[in-house]
């Protein structure tokens, strides 16, 4: 995904490359979209068969609130995927290894060791927020030097890592 021609120049200009949209329109997005559709269908169905205003308020309003939240989540992902600018955090990258992440450095790396019922995992902290670090991006970032981390601003999804 990040190895395609044109991805790095687009990211350096603060734009999401079309090949990277799948990072935002992933399973989480489609599950939320399905929940919005289901919520609307159930809400309309319940409102149509409700006999009293109390039944409508008691069931339809909470369902609309939950459906609205999932619609908001979908909107943020779509806005980032089709027109948003990427947020770039550039700076020295420090490897904390298994120590607690802090904001002492612009970019911090953390490794959670394998343990009982857990696999080894990696995370990255940039801009005051911690992101899970998938294998492809973990291989791209190099501690002990300057890197640029690109983040979708509305949905707060880590998109790419580039050498600064």
Protein backbone atom coordinates (compact mmCIF):
# COMPACT_ATOMS: atom_id res chain seq x y z
CA UNK A 1 0.00 0.00 0.00
CA UNK A 2 2.74 2.50 0.94
CA UNK A 3 5.13 1.10 -1.69
CA UNK A 4 3.04 2.19 -4.68
CA UNK A 5 4.38 4.99 -6.88
CA UNK A 6 3.06 8.40 -5.89
CA UNK A 7 2.22 7.52 -2.28
CA UNK A 8 5.23 9.19 -0.69
CA UNK A 9 5.01 12.44 -2.73
CA UNK A 10 1.27 12.70 -2.00
CA UNK A 11 1.88 12.14 1.73
CA UNK A 12 4.72 14.67 1.82
CA UNK A 13 2.27 17.20 0.36
CA UNK A 14 -0.19 16.39 3.15
CA UNK A 15 -2.60 14.39 1.00
CA UNK A 16 -3.88 10.85 1.25
CA UNK A 17 -3.08 8.77 -1.84
CA UNK A 18 -6.07 6.83 -3.27
CA UNK A 19 -4.20 3.57 -2.59
CA UNK A 20 -4.27 4.40 1.14
CA UNK A 21 -8.03 4.82 1.45
CA UNK A 22 -8.37 1.22 2.59
CA UNK A 23 -6.63 2.22 5.84
CA UNK A 24 -9.67 4.39 6.60
CA UNK A 25 -12.40 2.40 4.86
CA UNK A 26 -11.53 -0.80 6.71
CA UNK A 27 -13.64 -3.36 8.56
CA UNK A 28 -14.33 -0.86 11.37
CA UNK A 29 -15.85 1.58 8.87
CA UNK A 30 -18.04 -1.06 7.19
CA UNK A 31 -19.30 -2.42 10.51
CA UNK A 32 -20.22 1.12 11.60
CA UNK A 33 -21.95 1.74 8.24
CA UNK A 34 -23.93 -1.49 8.59
CA UNK A 35 -24.95 -0.47 12.12
CA UNK A 36 -26.16 2.92 10.80
CA UNK A 37 -28.32 1.22 8.18
CA UNK A 38 -29.65 -1.33 10.67
CA UNK A 39 -30.31 1.40 13.23
CA UNK A 40 -32.31 3.44 10.74
CA UNK A 41 -34.36 0.43 9.63
CA UNK A 42 -35.13 -0.63 13.21
CA UNK A 43 -35.91 2.96 14.28
CA UNK A 44 -38.35 3.53 11.43
CA UNK A 45 -39.96 0.13 12.01
CA UNK A 46 -40.41 0.75 15.74
CA UNK A 47 -41.74 4.26 15.18
CA UNK A 48 -44.29 2.89 12.69
CA UNK A 49 -45.70 0.31 15.10
CA UNK A 50 -45.47 2.35 18.32
CA UNK A 51 -48.88 3.06 19.78
CA UNK A 52 -47.97 5.79 22.27
CA UNK A 53 -45.59 8.74 22.40
CA UNK A 54 -43.91 7.18 25.45
CA UNK A 55 -43.04 4.07 23.46
CA UNK A 56 -41.52 6.24 20.75
CA UNK A 57 -39.48 8.27 23.21
CA UNK A 58 -38.40 5.21 25.18
CA UNK A 59 -37.11 3.21 22.23
CA UNK A 60 -36.70 5.40 19.16
CA UNK A 61 -34.75 8.28 20.73
CA UNK A 62 -31.99 6.08 22.24
CA UNK A 63 -31.72 4.15 18.98
CA UNK A 64 -31.41 7.40 17.03
CA UNK A 65 -28.69 8.60 19.39
CA UNK A 66 -26.66 5.41 18.93
CA UNK A 67 -27.24 5.44 15.18
CA UNK A 68 -26.17 9.09 15.07
CA UNK A 69 -22.89 8.25 16.82
CA UNK A 70 -22.06 5.53 14.29
CA UNK A 71 -23.02 7.88 11.44
CA UNK A 72 -20.60 10.47 12.88
CA UNK A 73 -17.82 7.85 12.99
CA UNK A 74 -18.50 6.98 9.33
CA UNK A 75 -18.56 10.65 8.33
CA UNK A 76 -15.12 11.26 9.92
CA UNK A 77 -13.61 8.33 8.05
CA UNK A 78 -15.19 9.38 4.74
CA UNK A 79 -14.09 13.00 5.18
CA UNK A 80 -10.50 11.88 5.77
CA UNK A 81 -10.58 9.38 2.90
CA UNK A 82 -11.95 11.76 0.27
CA UNK A 83 -10.57 15.18 0.91
CA UNK A 84 -8.93 15.73 4.24
CA UNK A 85 -5.36 16.86 4.70
CA UNK A 86 -3.02 14.64 6.68
CA UNK A 87 -1.50 15.85 9.92
CA UNK A 88 2.28 15.47 9.99
CA UNK A 89 4.36 15.08 13.14
CA UNK A 90 8.07 15.36 12.41
CA UNK A 91 10.86 14.91 14.89
CA UNK A 92 13.34 12.71 16.68
CA UNK A 93 12.13 9.16 17.19
CA UNK A 94 13.01 7.52 20.50
CA UNK A 95 12.65 3.79 21.17
CA UNK A 96 11.30 3.35 24.70
CA UNK A 97 11.39 -0.45 24.25
CA UNK A 98 9.17 -1.76 27.09
CA UNK A 99 9.39 1.39 29.25
CA UNK A 100 6.34 3.64 29.57
CA UNK A 101 5.78 6.02 26.64
CA UNK A 102 6.04 9.75 27.38
CA UNK A 103 5.84 12.95 25.35
CA UNK A 104 9.52 13.72 26.03
CA UNK A 105 10.27 13.12 22.34
CA UNK A 106 8.13 14.12 19.34
CA UNK A 107 7.79 10.46 18.32
CA UNK A 108 8.11 7.49 20.64
CA UNK A 109 8.10 3.75 19.98
CA UNK A 110 6.96 1.13 22.48
CA UNK A 111 7.06 -2.65 22.51
CA UNK A 112 4.70 -4.72 24.63
CA UNK A 113 6.38 -8.08 25.12
CA UNK A 114 4.64 -11.37 24.55
CA UNK A 115 2.97 -12.60 27.68
CA UNK A 116 0.24 -14.84 28.98
CA UNK A 117 -2.59 -14.75 26.42
CA UNK A 118 -0.99 -11.86 24.50
CA UNK A 119 1.25 -11.52 21.49
CA UNK A 120 4.07 -9.04 21.17
CA UNK A 121 2.70 -5.72 19.96
CA UNK A 122 4.08 -2.33 19.05
CA UNK A 123 2.74 1.20 19.42
CA UNK A 124 3.80 4.67 18.42
CA UNK A 125 3.17 7.93 20.28
CA UNK A 126 3.06 11.19 18.33
CA UNK A 127 1.21 14.44 18.85
CA UNK A 128 0.09 13.45 22.34
CA UNK A 129 -1.71 10.32 21.15
CA UNK A 130 -0.76 6.62 21.03
CA UNK A 131 -1.42 4.51 17.92
CA UNK A 132 -1.10 0.77 17.34
CA UNK A 133 1.80 0.17 14.97
CA UNK A 134 1.25 -2.50 12.35
CA UNK A 135 4.13 -4.54 10.98
CA UNK A 136 4.56 -2.66 7.66
CA UNK A 137 4.85 0.71 9.37
CA UNK A 138 7.03 -0.69 12.16
CA UNK A 139 9.51 -1.83 9.51
CA UNK A 140 9.57 1.67 7.97
CA UNK A 141 10.23 3.73 11.10
CA UNK A 142 13.77 3.90 12.42
CA UNK A 143 14.50 4.95 15.99
CA UNK A 144 17.38 7.27 16.73
CA UNK A 145 16.67 9.61 13.80
CA UNK A 146 14.09 12.06 12.52
CA UNK A 147 10.91 10.63 11.03
CA UNK A 148 7.59 12.04 9.86
CA UNK A 149 4.39 10.38 11.04
CA UNK A 150 1.25 11.06 8.97
CA UNK A 151 -2.15 10.87 10.67
CA UNK A 152 -5.71 11.25 9.38
CA UNK A 153 -6.87 14.25 11.46
CA UNK A 154 -10.57 13.48 12.01
CA UNK A 155 -10.47 9.72 12.46
CA UNK A 156 -7.07 9.68 14.21
CA UNK A 157 -5.72 6.78 12.15
CA UNK A 158 -1.98 6.34 11.57
CA UNK A 159 -1.49 6.39 7.79
CA UNK A 160 2.23 6.35 7.03
CA UNK A 161 5.75 6.84 8.36
CA UNK A 162 8.44 8.55 6.28
CA UNK A 163 12.07 9.43 6.91
CA UNK A 164 12.27 13.17 7.59
